[in-house]
C-alpha cells in the first residue's frame, strides 16, 4: 500500500496582504514541512515581515488562507486564534525586549500571562530556557547592558518559553557581526534538531540562508508576489529569474574577512 505524503505543517494559499487598498504582496503560496527551517526571502521592502505578521495573527490578510496542520487560522474565532497562537514562538527583529525588565523577567512574561504556574516553577523554567540559548549567567542583566547577540538570545529564550511547535524569526541575524550571526544560526539548528521545532525565518542575510535553510520562498517588490520557491542554495545555483539570481549571487561586504575571523575563532 502506497503511503500518502504527510500534510505540511503550514500551508499558505493565494495569500494577499497589505495595509491599505494597495497590496504589499498578492497571491503568495507555499508549504512549510514539519521540522524544517523555511526562509521568507527577498530584498528590503518586499513585504517579508508583512507576510510573517499575517502568519502569526498580527495582520488579517485581504485574501487567501494560512493553515496550520490543515486548520485555517483566519477562519477561527479571535479566542481560538489566540489559543492557537500559543503554539507559536516569535523572535522579533533586535530581540524587542522590554527595556525596564531584566533578561529573566522578559523570559518569564509569557509564562506569567498564559500559564497558572507558581512563581517558583516559572523561575525554574526561565533558567532552563536561558540555559538552552547559552545564557546560564546574566539573568539579572538589563537589556541595555547586553550585546546584540545576547539580546537576541534572550529574545529567543522568551520565544521558547511556552514550548512552541513553530518558531518565527524576523531578521534574527540583522545587526550581528558575522561570528555572532554564525553562532546564532548554529543555535537555531540545535533547537530544531533537538526539539523538532519548525522554523520560519525572514531574512536577507545570505550566510544564514545558505547555511541553515532547507526551503523557502522568494518575494519580489516589482510583481508583488513570489517569484522563486526552493532551498536558498538551489535558487542560487539553478533559478533563472534575473531578480532572484542577482540577489542570491550578490557580493557580501567583508565576507572574506569574516571567514578568516571565523576560522581563527574556531567557528568557520
Protein backbone atom coordinates (compact mmCIF):
# COMPACT_ATOMS: atom_id res chain seq x y z
CA UNK A 1 0.00 0.00 0.00
CA UNK A 2 1.39 3.37 -1.02
CA UNK A 3 1.93 5.70 1.93
CA UNK A 4 0.46 9.16 1.45
CA UNK A 5 2.88 12.06 2.00
CA UNK A 6 2.42 13.92 5.26
CA UNK A 7 0.49 17.18 5.14
CA UNK A 8 2.65 20.29 5.51
CA UNK A 9 2.90 21.87 8.93
CA UNK A 10 1.96 25.19 7.36
CA UNK A 11 0.10 25.70 4.09
CA UNK A 12 -0.22 29.20 2.61
CA UNK A 13 -2.50 29.59 -0.43
CA UNK A 14 -3.13 32.65 -2.62
CA UNK A 15 -2.26 34.97 0.27
CA UNK A 16 -2.59 38.73 -0.23
CA UNK A 17 -1.53 41.21 2.46
CA UNK A 18 -1.23 44.95 2.80
CA UNK A 19 -2.01 47.98 4.95
CA UNK A 20 -4.47 49.72 2.63
CA UNK A 21 -6.03 49.33 -0.79
CA UNK A 22 -2.69 48.64 -2.48
CA UNK A 23 -1.33 45.15 -1.64
CA UNK A 24 2.19 44.63 -0.38
CA UNK A 25 2.17 41.02 -1.64
CA UNK A 26 -0.53 39.12 -3.53
CA UNK A 27 -1.34 35.53 -4.47
CA UNK A 28 1.56 34.07 -2.46
CA UNK A 29 1.50 30.28 -1.95
CA UNK A 30 3.96 27.93 -0.23
CA UNK A 31 4.18 24.92 2.10
CA UNK A 32 6.37 24.52 5.19
CA UNK A 33 7.29 20.96 6.16
CA UNK A 34 7.33 19.95 9.81
CA UNK A 35 10.81 20.16 11.32
CA UNK A 36 12.22 22.29 8.51
CA UNK A 37 13.88 25.70 8.54
CA UNK A 38 11.95 27.72 5.97
CA UNK A 39 13.11 31.10 4.66
CA UNK A 40 11.00 34.01 3.51
CA UNK A 41 13.48 35.81 1.27
CA UNK A 42 13.70 39.00 -0.75
CA UNK A 43 15.20 42.47 -0.77
CA UNK A 44 14.22 45.14 1.75
CA UNK A 45 10.69 46.42 1.25
CA UNK A 46 9.30 43.31 -0.43
CA UNK A 47 6.84 42.51 2.36
CA UNK A 48 8.65 39.64 4.09
CA UNK A 49 7.77 40.80 7.59
CA UNK A 50 4.23 41.65 6.48
CA UNK A 51 3.71 38.03 5.41
CA UNK A 52 5.11 36.95 8.77
CA UNK A 53 2.73 39.26 10.65
CA UNK A 54 -0.20 37.61 8.86
CA UNK A 55 1.12 34.16 9.77
CA UNK A 56 1.34 34.92 13.49
CA UNK A 57 -2.03 36.66 13.74
CA UNK A 58 -0.99 40.33 13.86
CA UNK A 59 -2.38 41.28 10.44
CA UNK A 60 -5.51 39.91 8.81
CA UNK A 61 -4.89 39.00 5.15
CA UNK A 62 -7.00 40.68 2.49
CA UNK A 63 -7.32 37.33 0.70
CA UNK A 64 -6.10 33.74 0.87
CA UNK A 65 -5.60 31.07 3.52
CA UNK A 66 -3.00 30.24 6.16
CA UNK A 67 -3.43 26.71 7.53
CA UNK A 68 -1.59 25.13 10.45
CA UNK A 69 -1.95 21.34 10.50
CA UNK A 70 -4.82 21.72 7.98
CA UNK A 71 -6.72 24.19 10.20
CA UNK A 72 -7.45 27.53 8.53
CA UNK A 73 -6.12 30.01 11.09
CA UNK A 74 -8.01 33.11 9.98
CA UNK A 75 -11.33 31.27 9.81
CA UNK A 76 -11.18 30.72 13.57
CA UNK A 77 -12.74 32.97 16.16
CA UNK A 78 -10.49 35.52 17.86
CA UNK A 79 -10.43 33.37 21.01
CA UNK A 80 -9.44 30.27 19.04
CA UNK A 81 -6.75 32.22 17.17
CA UNK A 82 -5.31 33.44 20.48
CA UNK A 83 -5.31 29.91 21.84
CA UNK A 84 -3.72 28.53 18.67
CA UNK A 85 -1.14 31.29 18.70
CA UNK A 86 0.33 29.88 21.89
CA UNK A 87 1.78 27.13 19.70
CA UNK A 88 3.97 29.85 18.14
CA UNK A 89 7.19 31.39 19.40
CA UNK A 90 8.16 34.75 17.93
CA UNK A 91 11.54 36.46 17.87
CA UNK A 92 11.17 40.00 16.61
CA UNK A 93 13.99 41.90 14.96
CA UNK A 94 16.53 43.10 17.52
CA UNK A 95 15.02 40.93 20.25
CA UNK A 96 12.31 43.51 21.10
CA UNK A 97 12.95 43.14 24.82
CA UNK A 98 11.20 45.23 27.45
CA UNK A 99 13.95 47.66 28.45
CA UNK A 100 12.64 48.07 32.00
CA UNK A 101 12.80 44.31 32.67
CA UNK A 102 15.79 42.10 33.30
CA UNK A 103 16.61 39.20 30.99
CA UNK A 104 14.87 36.76 33.34
CA UNK A 105 11.80 38.97 33.66
CA UNK A 106 11.48 39.21 29.88
CA UNK A 107 11.54 35.43 29.55
CA UNK A 108 9.11 34.98 32.43
CA UNK A 109 6.46 37.30 30.98
CA UNK A 110 4.67 34.80 28.66
CA UNK A 111 4.65 32.20 31.44
CA UNK A 112 3.06 34.71 33.81
CA UNK A 113 0.48 35.75 31.20
CA UNK A 114 -0.55 32.38 29.80
CA UNK A 115 0.04 29.76 32.50
CA UNK A 116 -1.04 29.19 36.09
CA UNK A 117 2.40 28.08 37.24
CA UNK A 118 3.72 29.16 40.60
CA UNK A 119 6.42 31.81 40.82
CA UNK A 120 8.95 29.14 41.79
CA UNK A 121 8.06 26.98 38.79
CA UNK A 122 8.28 29.96 36.44
CA UNK A 123 11.67 30.90 37.85
CA UNK A 124 12.95 27.36 37.30
CA UNK A 125 11.63 27.30 33.71
CA UNK A 126 13.20 30.67 32.97
CA UNK A 127 16.58 29.30 34.00
CA UNK A 128 16.06 26.27 31.74
CA UNK A 129 15.17 28.45 28.75
CA UNK A 130 18.13 30.77 29.32
CA UNK A 131 20.41 27.76 29.59
CA UNK A 132 19.05 26.39 26.31
CA UNK A 133 20.27 29.50 24.49
CA UNK A 134 23.64 29.54 26.25
CA UNK A 135 22.89 32.19 28.89
CA UNK A 136 23.44 30.37 32.16
CA UNK A 137 24.54 33.64 33.74
CA UNK A 138 23.33 37.19 33.27
CA UNK A 139 19.68 36.53 34.09
CA UNK A 140 19.52 39.74 36.12
CA UNK A 141 21.16 41.86 33.41
CA UNK A 142 19.15 44.67 31.85
CA UNK A 143 18.82 44.72 28.03
CA UNK A 144 20.84 47.95 27.74
CA UNK A 145 23.89 46.18 29.21
CA UNK A 146 23.75 43.21 26.80
CA UNK A 147 25.42 42.85 23.40
CA UNK A 148 23.26 42.48 20.30
CA UNK A 149 23.89 38.75 20.19
CA UNK A 150 22.95 38.33 23.84
CA UNK A 151 19.74 40.34 23.38
CA UNK A 152 18.81 38.04 20.52
CA UNK A 153 19.41 35.02 22.74
CA UNK A 154 17.21 36.44 25.48
CA UNK A 155 14.53 37.12 22.88
CA UNK A 156 14.86 33.56 21.66
CA UNK A 157 14.57 32.20 25.21
CA UNK A 158 11.37 34.20 25.61
CA UNK A 159 10.07 32.83 22.28
CA UNK A 160 10.74 29.31 23.59
CA UNK A 161 9.10 29.89 26.97
CA UNK A 162 5.79 28.16 26.10
CA UNK A 163 7.44 25.24 24.24
CA UNK A 164 6.22 26.26 20.77
CA UNK A 165 5.74 23.88 17.86
CA UNK A 166 6.60 26.65 15.37
CA UNK A 167 9.27 29.30 15.83
CA UNK A 168 9.04 32.52 13.80
CA UNK A 169 12.17 34.64 13.42
CA UNK A 170 12.20 38.13 11.92
CA UNK A 171 15.69 39.01 10.65
CA UNK A 172 17.41 37.17 13.52
CA UNK A 173 20.94 37.96 12.27
CA UNK A 174 20.33 41.64 11.49
CA UNK A 175 22.87 43.86 13.20
CA UNK A 176 25.04 40.99 14.41
CA UNK A 177 28.69 40.64 13.47
CA UNK A 178 29.43 37.62 11.24
CA UNK A 179 30.76 35.44 14.06
CA UNK A 180 27.80 36.16 16.37
CA UNK A 181 25.42 35.54 13.45
CA UNK A 182 27.05 32.17 12.75
CA UNK A 183 26.75 31.15 16.41
CA UNK A 184 23.09 32.18 16.44
CA UNK A 185 22.44 30.15 13.26
CA UNK A 186 24.07 27.13 14.89
CA UNK A 187 21.80 27.58 17.91
CA UNK A 188 18.70 27.59 15.69
CA UNK A 189 19.81 24.31 14.11
CA UNK A 190 20.44 22.77 17.52
CA UNK A 191 16.94 23.72 18.68
CA UNK A 192 15.37 22.34 15.52
CA UNK A 193 17.32 19.09 15.74
CA UNK A 194 16.89 18.68 19.48
CA UNK A 195 13.21 19.58 19.84
CA UNK A 196 11.76 19.08 16.38
CA UNK A 197 10.51 22.65 16.21
CA UNK A 198 9.53 24.02 12.79
CA UNK A 199 11.24 27.32 11.97
CA UNK A 200 10.03 30.10 9.65
CA UNK A 201 12.67 32.77 9.19
CA UNK A 202 12.53 36.14 7.46
CA UNK A 203 16.00 37.07 6.26
CA UNK A 204 18.07 38.64 3.51
CA UNK A 205 21.37 37.53 5.07
CA UNK A 206 22.99 35.14 2.58
CA UNK A 207 25.27 33.27 5.04
CA UNK A 208 22.25 32.39 7.20
CA UNK A 209 20.06 31.50 4.22
CA UNK A 210 22.68 29.24 2.66
CA UNK A 211 23.87 27.81 5.97
CA UNK A 212 20.70 26.60 7.68
CA UNK A 213 17.58 26.89 5.48
CA UNK A 214 16.05 23.77 3.91
CA UNK A 215 13.44 25.50 1.78
CA UNK A 216 11.98 28.91 1.11
CA UNK A 217 10.01 31.39 -0.95
CA UNK A 218 11.40 34.48 -2.69
CA UNK A 219 9.25 37.64 -2.75
CA UNK A 220 9.55 40.31 -5.41
CA UNK A 221 8.78 44.02 -4.93
CA UNK A 222 8.03 44.75 -8.60
CA UNK A 223 5.48 42.00 -9.26
CA UNK A 224 4.37 41.92 -5.60
CA UNK A 225 4.29 38.16 -5.47
CA UNK A 226 6.52 35.11 -5.05
CA UNK A 227 8.87 34.52 -7.99
CA UNK A 228 11.03 31.74 -6.56
CA UNK A 229 10.47 28.59 -4.48
CA UNK A 230 13.09 26.23 -3.09
CA UNK A 231 16.15 25.94 -0.89
CA UNK A 232 18.32 29.08 -0.99
CA UNK A 233 21.32 27.17 -2.35
CA UNK A 234 19.16 25.67 -5.08
CA UNK A 235 17.79 29.09 -6.03
CA UNK A 236 21.34 30.46 -6.17
CA UNK A 237 22.57 27.68 -8.44
CA UNK A 238 19.54 26.93 -10.61
CA UNK A 239 16.94 29.72 -10.62
CA UNK A 240 16.99 31.62 -13.92
CA UNK A 241 14.93 34.59 -12.79
CA UNK A 242 17.31 37.59 -13.01
CA UNK A 243 15.99 39.22 -9.82
CA UNK A 244 16.47 36.03 -7.79
CA UNK A 245 19.87 35.37 -9.37
CA UNK A 246 21.13 38.90 -8.65
CA UNK A 247 20.01 38.69 -5.02
CA UNK A 248 21.46 35.24 -4.40
CA UNK A 249 24.82 35.92 -6.03
CA UNK A 250 25.45 39.42 -4.73
CA UNK A 251 28.77 40.21 -3.09
CA UNK A 252 28.71 40.26 0.70
CA UNK A 253 30.92 43.09 2.07
CA UNK A 254 33.58 41.76 4.41
CA UNK A 255 32.76 38.12 3.69
CA UNK A 256 36.39 37.08 3.27
CA UNK A 257 37.44 38.84 6.47
CA UNK A 258 34.56 37.21 8.32
CA UNK A 259 35.54 33.79 7.02
CA UNK A 260 39.13 34.28 8.19
CA UNK A 261 37.96 35.52 11.58
CA UNK A 262 35.62 32.57 11.95
CA UNK A 263 38.39 30.11 11.16
CA UNK A 264 40.67 31.76 13.71
CA UNK A 265 37.89 31.69 16.28
CA UNK A 266 37.03 28.06 15.55
CA UNK A 267 33.51 28.89 14.25
CA UNK A 268 34.26 28.91 10.50
